[in-house]
Amino acid sequence: MKKSADKQVRFELEAEAGSAVAVAGTFNDWDPTKTPMKENPDSGKFATAVKLASGRHEYKFVVNGEWRVDPNCPEWTPNDCGSLNSVVTV
């Protein structure tokens, strides 16, 4: 059953062709295997869309096993690992 507050959010990242790219965050238990991103060879970008409930969500991209913040996200927050997480608010 779809919640009326859910919103489709698009995640996009430029990465080297042939990379394994995913988005992980509070919305998928930080599991880098749950939300893989698809490569668009014409644009050189990887993308996916995720339905998110209203509220604040922290996330990072995982590129070939390396965790990265979203360089296009204007809001970041410190995490318990001593680095930053990107933040999206729905």
N, C-alpha and C. Protein backbone atom coordinates (compact mmCIF):
# COMPACT_ATOMS: atom_id res chain seq x y z
N MET A 1 0.84 -1.18 0.00
CA MET A 1 0.00 0.00 0.00
C MET A 1 0.88 1.25 0.00
N LYS A 2 0.67 2.10 -0.94
CA LYS A 2 1.48 3.31 -1.07
C LYS A 2 1.01 4.37 -0.08
N LYS A 3 1.97 4.94 0.64
CA LYS A 3 1.65 6.05 1.54
C LYS A 3 1.54 7.31 0.71
N SER A 4 0.60 8.17 1.02
CA SER A 4 0.41 9.38 0.24
C SER A 4 1.58 10.34 0.41
N ALA A 5 2.35 10.21 1.49
CA ALA A 5 3.48 11.11 1.74
C ALA A 5 4.74 10.68 0.99
N ASP A 6 4.74 9.47 0.41
CA ASP A 6 5.93 9.02 -0.31
C ASP A 6 6.15 9.87 -1.56
N LYS A 7 7.42 10.15 -1.83
CA LYS A 7 7.78 10.95 -2.99
C LYS A 7 8.93 10.27 -3.72
N GLN A 8 8.86 10.25 -5.03
CA GLN A 8 9.92 9.69 -5.85
C GLN A 8 11.08 10.70 -5.87
N VAL A 9 12.25 10.26 -5.42
CA VAL A 9 13.44 11.11 -5.40
C VAL A 9 14.48 10.50 -6.32
N ARG A 10 15.02 11.33 -7.21
CA ARG A 10 16.03 10.86 -8.18
C ARG A 10 17.43 11.14 -7.62
N PHE A 11 18.26 10.10 -7.64
CA PHE A 11 19.66 10.22 -7.24
C PHE A 11 20.48 10.05 -8.51
N GLU A 12 21.49 10.92 -8.68
CA GLU A 12 22.30 10.90 -9.89
C GLU A 12 23.74 11.23 -9.54
N LEU A 13 24.67 10.52 -10.18
CA LEU A 13 26.09 10.73 -9.91
C LEU A 13 26.89 10.46 -11.18
N GLU A 14 27.86 11.32 -11.46
CA GLU A 14 28.78 11.08 -12.56
C GLU A 14 29.90 10.19 -12.04
N ALA A 15 30.19 9.12 -12.78
CA ALA A 15 31.25 8.18 -12.37
C ALA A 15 31.84 7.55 -13.63
N GLU A 16 32.99 6.92 -13.45
CA GLU A 16 33.68 6.29 -14.57
C GLU A 16 32.82 5.19 -15.18
N ALA A 17 32.82 5.13 -16.49
CA ALA A 17 32.04 4.11 -17.20
C ALA A 17 32.39 2.72 -16.70
N GLY A 18 31.38 1.89 -16.55
CA GLY A 18 31.58 0.51 -16.11
C GLY A 18 31.68 0.34 -14.61
N SER A 19 31.56 1.43 -13.86
CA SER A 19 31.64 1.35 -12.40
C SER A 19 30.40 0.67 -11.82
N ALA A 20 30.55 0.13 -10.62
CA ALA A 20 29.42 -0.39 -9.86
C ALA A 20 29.02 0.73 -8.90
N VAL A 21 27.82 1.29 -9.09
CA VAL A 21 27.37 2.45 -8.32
C VAL A 21 26.04 2.14 -7.66
N ALA A 22 25.91 2.54 -6.39
CA ALA A 22 24.67 2.36 -5.64
C ALA A 22 24.49 3.55 -4.72
N VAL A 23 23.27 3.69 -4.19
CA VAL A 23 23.01 4.68 -3.17
C VAL A 23 22.57 3.92 -1.91
N ALA A 24 23.12 4.33 -0.78
CA ALA A 24 22.79 3.69 0.50
C ALA A 24 22.51 4.79 1.51
N GLY A 25 21.53 4.54 2.37
CA GLY A 25 21.20 5.56 3.36
C GLY A 25 20.23 5.06 4.40
N THR A 26 19.70 6.01 5.14
CA THR A 26 18.77 5.68 6.21
C THR A 26 17.51 5.02 5.67
N PHE A 27 17.20 5.23 4.40
CA PHE A 27 15.99 4.67 3.79
C PHE A 27 16.15 3.22 3.36
N ASN A 28 17.38 2.68 3.34
CA ASN A 28 17.57 1.26 2.99
C ASN A 28 18.56 0.58 3.93
N ASP A 29 18.59 1.04 5.18
CA ASP A 29 19.44 0.46 6.22
C ASP A 29 20.93 0.50 5.86
N TRP A 30 21.34 1.51 5.08
CA TRP A 30 22.73 1.68 4.70
C TRP A 30 23.30 0.46 3.98
N ASP A 31 22.45 -0.26 3.27
CA ASP A 31 22.88 -1.46 2.56
C ASP A 31 23.28 -1.10 1.12
N PRO A 32 24.57 -1.18 0.79
CA PRO A 32 25.02 -0.78 -0.55
C PRO A 32 24.60 -1.73 -1.67
N THR A 33 23.93 -2.82 -1.34
CA THR A 33 23.47 -3.75 -2.38
C THR A 33 21.98 -3.58 -2.70
N LYS A 34 21.25 -2.84 -1.88
CA LYS A 34 19.80 -2.74 -2.05
C LYS A 34 19.36 -1.80 -3.17
N THR A 35 20.13 -0.76 -3.46
CA THR A 35 19.68 0.23 -4.43
C THR A 35 20.77 0.55 -5.45
N PRO A 36 21.01 -0.38 -6.38
CA PRO A 36 22.01 -0.11 -7.42
C PRO A 36 21.51 0.98 -8.37
N MET A 37 22.45 1.66 -8.99
CA MET A 37 22.14 2.72 -9.93
C MET A 37 22.51 2.27 -11.33
N LYS A 38 21.72 2.71 -12.32
CA LYS A 38 21.94 2.30 -13.71
C LYS A 38 22.76 3.37 -14.44
N GLU A 39 23.65 2.87 -15.28
CA GLU A 39 24.52 3.75 -16.05
C GLU A 39 23.83 4.21 -17.33
N ASN A 40 23.96 5.50 -17.62
CA ASN A 40 23.51 6.05 -18.89
C ASN A 40 24.77 6.38 -19.68
N PRO A 41 25.16 5.56 -20.65
CA PRO A 41 26.42 5.78 -21.37
C PRO A 41 26.46 7.09 -22.15
N ASP A 42 25.30 7.62 -22.51
CA ASP A 42 25.26 8.88 -23.26
C ASP A 42 25.64 10.07 -22.38
N SER A 43 25.26 10.03 -21.10
CA SER A 43 25.52 11.16 -20.21
C SER A 43 26.72 10.95 -19.29
N GLY A 44 27.16 9.68 -19.14
CA GLY A 44 28.24 9.39 -18.21
C GLY A 44 27.79 9.43 -16.76
N LYS A 45 26.48 9.39 -16.56
CA LYS A 45 25.94 9.45 -15.21
C LYS A 45 25.23 8.16 -14.85
N PHE A 46 25.19 7.89 -13.57
CA PHE A 46 24.44 6.77 -13.01
C PHE A 46 23.25 7.36 -12.27
N ALA A 47 22.10 6.69 -12.34
CA ALA A 47 20.92 7.24 -11.70
C ALA A 47 19.98 6.14 -11.23
N THR A 48 19.15 6.51 -10.26
CA THR A 48 18.05 5.67 -9.80
C THR A 48 17.03 6.57 -9.14
N ALA A 49 15.82 6.08 -9.00
CA ALA A 49 14.77 6.80 -8.28
C ALA A 49 14.31 5.93 -7.12
N VAL A 50 14.08 6.57 -5.98
CA VAL A 50 13.68 5.86 -4.77
C VAL A 50 12.47 6.56 -4.18
N LYS A 51 11.47 5.79 -3.76
CA LYS A 51 10.32 6.37 -3.07
C LYS A 51 10.69 6.57 -1.61
N LEU A 52 10.61 7.83 -1.16
CA LEU A 52 10.97 8.16 0.21
C LEU A 52 9.78 8.75 0.94
N ALA A 53 9.65 8.38 2.20
CA ALA A 53 8.62 8.96 3.06
C ALA A 53 9.02 10.40 3.38
N SER A 54 8.06 11.21 3.76
CA SER A 54 8.38 12.59 4.12
C SER A 54 9.31 12.59 5.33
N GLY A 55 10.22 13.54 5.34
CA GLY A 55 11.18 13.65 6.42
C GLY A 55 12.59 13.83 5.90
N ARG A 56 13.54 13.68 6.79
CA ARG A 56 14.96 13.90 6.51
C ARG A 56 15.65 12.55 6.34
N HIS A 57 16.42 12.40 5.26
CA HIS A 57 17.11 11.15 4.97
C HIS A 57 18.59 11.44 4.71
N GLU A 58 19.47 10.64 5.32
CA GLU A 58 20.90 10.75 5.07
C GLU A 58 21.29 9.63 4.10
N TYR A 59 22.29 9.93 3.26
CA TYR A 59 22.71 8.93 2.27
C TYR A 59 24.14 9.20 1.81
N LYS A 60 24.69 8.20 1.13
CA LYS A 60 25.97 8.30 0.43
C LYS A 60 25.90 7.43 -0.81
N PHE A 61 26.75 7.74 -1.77
CA PHE A 61 26.92 6.89 -2.93
C PHE A 61 28.05 5.90 -2.64
N VAL A 62 27.95 4.72 -3.23
CA VAL A 62 29.01 3.71 -3.11
C VAL A 62 29.45 3.39 -4.53
N VAL A 63 30.71 3.76 -4.84
CA VAL A 63 31.26 3.58 -6.19
C VAL A 63 32.43 2.60 -6.09
N ASN A 64 32.23 1.43 -6.67
CA ASN A 64 33.26 0.38 -6.63
C ASN A 64 33.74 0.14 -5.20
N GLY A 65 32.79 0.12 -4.26
CA GLY A 65 33.10 -0.15 -2.86
C GLY A 65 33.53 1.05 -2.04
N GLU A 66 33.70 2.21 -2.67
CA GLU A 66 34.14 3.43 -1.98
C GLU A 66 32.93 4.32 -1.69
N TRP A 67 32.76 4.69 -0.42
CA TRP A 67 31.64 5.52 0.00
C TRP A 67 31.95 6.99 -0.29
N ARG A 68 30.99 7.70 -0.92
CA ARG A 68 31.19 9.10 -1.30
C ARG A 68 29.95 9.93 -0.99
N VAL A 69 30.17 11.18 -0.61
CA VAL A 69 29.05 12.10 -0.46
C VAL A 69 28.59 12.52 -1.87
N ASP A 70 27.41 13.06 -1.93
CA ASP A 70 26.87 13.57 -3.19
C ASP A 70 27.45 14.96 -3.43
N PRO A 71 28.30 15.14 -4.44
CA PRO A 71 28.92 16.44 -4.66
C PRO A 71 27.93 17.52 -5.07
N ASN A 72 26.74 17.13 -5.50
CA ASN A 72 25.72 18.10 -5.92
C ASN A 72 24.69 18.40 -4.84
N CYS A 73 24.84 17.78 -3.68
CA CYS A 73 23.89 17.98 -2.59
C CYS A 73 24.35 19.19 -1.75
N PRO A 74 23.46 20.14 -1.51
CA PRO A 74 23.85 21.33 -0.74
C PRO A 74 23.91 21.12 0.77
N GLU A 75 23.37 20.00 1.27
CA GLU A 75 23.34 19.79 2.72
C GLU A 75 24.05 18.49 3.10
N TRP A 76 25.01 18.60 4.01
CA TRP A 76 25.74 17.45 4.53
C TRP A 76 25.70 17.51 6.04
N THR A 77 25.87 16.35 6.68
CA THR A 77 25.89 16.29 8.14
C THR A 77 26.97 15.32 8.59
N PRO A 78 27.63 15.59 9.71
CA PRO A 78 28.65 14.65 10.21
C PRO A 78 28.02 13.31 10.59
N ASN A 79 28.80 12.22 10.44
CA ASN A 79 28.32 10.91 10.85
C ASN A 79 29.24 10.32 11.91
N ASP A 80 28.89 9.15 12.42
CA ASP A 80 29.65 8.50 13.50
C ASP A 80 30.99 7.94 13.03
N CYS A 81 31.24 7.93 11.72
CA CYS A 81 32.50 7.39 11.18
C CYS A 81 33.56 8.48 11.00
N GLY A 82 33.22 9.72 11.36
CA GLY A 82 34.16 10.82 11.22
C GLY A 82 34.17 11.45 9.84
N SER A 83 33.18 11.13 9.02
CA SER A 83 33.07 11.75 7.70
C SER A 83 31.70 12.43 7.60
N LEU A 84 31.25 12.69 6.39
CA LEU A 84 29.97 13.38 6.18
C LEU A 84 29.00 12.48 5.42
N ASN A 85 27.72 12.73 5.66
CA ASN A 85 26.64 12.12 4.88
C ASN A 85 25.91 13.25 4.16
N SER A 86 25.38 12.96 2.98
CA SER A 86 24.53 13.89 2.27
C SER A 86 23.13 13.80 2.87
N VAL A 87 22.36 14.87 2.76
CA VAL A 87 21.02 14.93 3.35
C VAL A 87 20.01 15.37 2.31
N VAL A 88 18.90 14.63 2.22
CA VAL A 88 17.77 15.03 1.39
C VAL A 88 16.54 15.09 2.29
N THR A 89 15.75 16.16 2.13
CA THR A 89 14.52 16.30 2.90
C THR A 89 13.34 16.24 1.94
N VAL A 90 12.40 15.37 2.26
CA VAL A 90 11.21 15.16 1.42
C VAL A 90 10.04 15.85 2.08
